[in-house]
N, C-alpha and C. Protein backbone atom coordinates (compact mmCIF):
# COMPACT_ATOMS: atom_id res chain seq x y z
N MET A 1 88.59 85.09 98.47
CA MET A 1 89.73 85.78 97.91
C MET A 1 90.81 84.75 97.60
N ALA A 2 91.39 84.82 96.42
CA ALA A 2 92.44 83.90 96.00
C ALA A 2 93.80 84.36 96.51
N HIS A 3 94.71 83.39 96.69
CA HIS A 3 96.08 83.66 97.13
C HIS A 3 97.04 82.96 96.17
N TRP A 4 98.13 83.64 95.81
CA TRP A 4 99.15 83.06 94.94
C TRP A 4 100.50 83.15 95.63
N THR A 5 101.32 82.14 95.39
CA THR A 5 102.69 82.15 95.89
C THR A 5 103.62 81.76 94.75
N ILE A 6 104.64 82.59 94.53
CA ILE A 6 105.66 82.33 93.52
C ILE A 6 106.98 82.24 94.26
N THR A 7 107.66 81.11 94.14
CA THR A 7 108.94 80.91 94.84
C THR A 7 110.05 80.72 93.82
N LEU A 8 111.09 81.53 93.95
CA LEU A 8 112.29 81.41 93.15
C LEU A 8 113.39 80.96 94.10
N ALA A 9 113.94 79.76 93.90
CA ALA A 9 114.92 79.22 94.83
C ALA A 9 116.13 78.66 94.11
N ARG A 10 117.28 78.79 94.77
CA ARG A 10 118.51 78.24 94.22
C ARG A 10 119.57 78.27 95.31
N GLU A 11 120.29 77.17 95.44
CA GLU A 11 121.44 77.06 96.33
C GLU A 11 121.13 77.53 97.76
N GLY A 12 120.00 77.10 98.31
CA GLY A 12 119.67 77.41 99.70
C GLY A 12 119.10 78.79 99.94
N ALA A 13 118.91 79.59 98.90
CA ALA A 13 118.31 80.92 99.05
C ALA A 13 117.00 80.94 98.27
N ALA A 14 116.11 81.84 98.69
CA ALA A 14 114.82 81.92 98.00
C ALA A 14 114.23 83.31 98.10
N ILE A 15 113.48 83.67 97.07
CA ILE A 15 112.64 84.86 97.09
C ILE A 15 111.22 84.34 96.93
N VAL A 16 110.36 84.62 97.91
CA VAL A 16 108.98 84.14 97.91
C VAL A 16 108.06 85.36 97.74
N VAL A 17 107.31 85.38 96.65
CA VAL A 17 106.38 86.47 96.36
C VAL A 17 104.97 85.95 96.59
N ARG A 18 104.20 86.69 97.37
CA ARG A 18 102.81 86.31 97.65
C ARG A 18 101.87 87.41 97.19
N GLY A 19 100.76 87.00 96.60
CA GLY A 19 99.74 87.94 96.17
C GLY A 19 98.37 87.46 96.59
N GLU A 20 97.47 88.39 96.74
CA GLU A 20 96.09 88.01 97.05
C GLU A 20 95.14 88.97 96.36
N GLY A 21 93.99 88.43 96.00
CA GLY A 21 92.97 89.19 95.30
C GLY A 21 92.23 88.28 94.34
N ASP A 22 91.14 88.75 93.83
CA ASP A 22 90.33 87.93 92.94
C ASP A 22 90.87 87.86 91.52
N ASP A 23 91.72 88.81 91.14
CA ASP A 23 92.25 88.86 89.78
C ASP A 23 93.78 88.86 89.82
N PRO A 24 94.45 87.80 89.31
CA PRO A 24 95.91 87.77 89.34
C PRO A 24 96.54 88.86 88.47
N HIS A 25 95.77 89.44 87.55
CA HIS A 25 96.28 90.52 86.71
C HIS A 25 96.26 91.86 87.44
N ALA A 26 95.52 91.95 88.53
CA ALA A 26 95.43 93.18 89.32
C ALA A 26 95.21 92.79 90.79
N PRO A 27 96.23 92.19 91.43
CA PRO A 27 96.06 91.74 92.81
C PRO A 27 95.86 92.91 93.77
N ASP A 28 95.12 92.62 94.85
CA ASP A 28 94.89 93.64 95.88
C ASP A 28 96.14 93.89 96.71
N ARG A 29 96.96 92.85 96.88
CA ARG A 29 98.14 92.97 97.73
C ARG A 29 99.25 92.07 97.22
N ILE A 30 100.48 92.57 97.24
CA ILE A 30 101.66 91.79 96.91
C ILE A 30 102.70 92.04 98.00
N ASP A 31 103.31 90.97 98.51
CA ASP A 31 104.44 91.13 99.42
C ASP A 31 105.46 90.04 99.12
N TYR A 32 106.61 90.10 99.77
CA TYR A 32 107.65 89.12 99.50
C TYR A 32 108.50 88.89 100.74
N GLU A 33 109.18 87.76 100.75
CA GLU A 33 110.15 87.41 101.79
C GLU A 33 111.42 86.95 101.09
N ILE A 34 112.55 87.24 101.71
CA ILE A 34 113.84 86.79 101.19
C ILE A 34 114.47 85.88 102.23
N HIS A 35 114.90 84.70 101.80
CA HIS A 35 115.55 83.74 102.69
C HIS A 35 116.97 83.50 102.18
N GLY A 36 117.94 83.62 103.06
CA GLY A 36 119.33 83.40 102.67
C GLY A 36 119.85 84.57 101.85
N ASN A 37 120.86 84.31 101.03
CA ASN A 37 121.44 85.31 100.15
C ASN A 37 120.92 85.07 98.74
N PRO A 38 119.97 85.88 98.26
CA PRO A 38 119.33 85.59 96.99
C PRO A 38 120.11 86.02 95.75
N GLY A 39 121.37 86.40 95.91
CA GLY A 39 122.15 86.84 94.75
C GLY A 39 122.15 85.82 93.63
N GLY A 40 122.33 84.54 93.96
CA GLY A 40 122.31 83.48 92.95
C GLY A 40 120.95 83.32 92.30
N VAL A 41 119.89 83.45 93.10
CA VAL A 41 118.53 83.34 92.57
C VAL A 41 118.28 84.48 91.59
N TYR A 42 118.66 85.67 92.00
CA TYR A 42 118.43 86.85 91.16
C TYR A 42 119.22 86.75 89.86
N ARG A 43 120.47 86.32 89.94
CA ARG A 43 121.28 86.17 88.71
C ARG A 43 120.68 85.11 87.80
N ALA A 44 120.21 84.00 88.37
CA ALA A 44 119.59 82.95 87.55
C ALA A 44 118.33 83.47 86.87
N LEU A 45 117.54 84.27 87.59
CA LEU A 45 116.34 84.85 87.00
C LEU A 45 116.71 85.78 85.86
N LEU A 46 117.69 86.64 86.06
CA LEU A 46 118.11 87.55 85.00
C LEU A 46 118.64 86.80 83.80
N ASP A 47 119.37 85.70 84.04
CA ASP A 47 119.89 84.91 82.93
C ASP A 47 118.77 84.35 82.07
N ARG A 48 117.64 84.04 82.69
CA ARG A 48 116.52 83.46 81.95
C ARG A 48 115.68 84.49 81.23
N VAL A 49 115.51 85.69 81.81
CA VAL A 49 114.58 86.65 81.23
C VAL A 49 115.25 87.78 80.47
N ALA A 50 116.49 88.11 80.75
CA ALA A 50 117.13 89.26 80.12
C ALA A 50 117.28 89.13 78.61
N PRO A 51 117.65 87.95 78.08
CA PRO A 51 117.87 87.86 76.64
C PRO A 51 116.62 88.07 75.79
N GLY A 52 115.44 87.77 76.33
CA GLY A 52 114.23 87.91 75.53
C GLY A 52 114.08 86.73 74.57
N PRO A 53 113.34 86.76 73.51
CA PRO A 53 112.51 87.89 73.09
C PRO A 53 111.27 88.01 73.96
N TRP A 54 110.76 89.21 74.06
CA TRP A 54 109.61 89.46 74.93
C TRP A 54 108.28 89.43 74.19
N SER A 55 108.27 89.31 72.90
CA SER A 55 107.03 89.41 72.14
C SER A 55 106.00 88.38 72.56
N PHE A 56 106.43 87.19 73.00
CA PHE A 56 105.48 86.16 73.41
C PHE A 56 104.77 86.52 74.70
N GLN A 57 105.28 87.47 75.47
CA GLN A 57 104.67 87.89 76.73
C GLN A 57 103.68 89.04 76.53
N ALA A 58 103.72 89.69 75.40
CA ALA A 58 102.98 90.93 75.21
C ALA A 58 101.48 90.80 75.48
N ASP A 59 100.87 89.68 75.11
CA ASP A 59 99.43 89.55 75.30
C ASP A 59 99.07 88.93 76.64
N ARG A 60 100.05 88.57 77.45
CA ARG A 60 99.78 87.92 78.73
C ARG A 60 99.87 88.88 79.91
N MET A 61 100.88 89.72 79.92
CA MET A 61 101.09 90.62 81.04
C MET A 61 100.15 91.82 80.94
N HIS A 62 99.52 92.16 82.05
CA HIS A 62 98.60 93.28 82.05
C HIS A 62 99.17 94.48 82.81
N GLY A 63 100.39 94.35 83.29
CA GLY A 63 101.01 95.45 84.03
C GLY A 63 102.07 94.90 84.97
N GLU A 64 102.78 95.80 85.65
CA GLU A 64 103.88 95.38 86.52
C GLU A 64 103.41 94.63 87.76
N ARG A 65 102.13 94.71 88.11
CA ARG A 65 101.60 93.99 89.27
C ARG A 65 100.94 92.67 88.87
N ASP A 66 101.02 92.28 87.62
CA ASP A 66 100.40 91.06 87.11
C ASP A 66 101.14 89.84 87.65
N LEU A 67 100.45 88.95 88.37
CA LEU A 67 101.06 87.77 88.96
C LEU A 67 100.86 86.51 88.13
N SER A 68 100.20 86.61 86.99
CA SER A 68 99.90 85.39 86.23
C SER A 68 101.08 84.93 85.41
């Protein structure tokens, strides 16, 4: 079984997302940990993804649980 870890970190805070399963597009399990105050991490993430455009993602994402 494969395991994935996605870490978003900034200014001493982090959001760590872990997934496991044979297919990153449909993982068997997803969980997360928050370290510190992730407000800055979350704002930085929104700054990067909110403006779009999203069309380049359309053929990559297979759903809200897709970890790829």
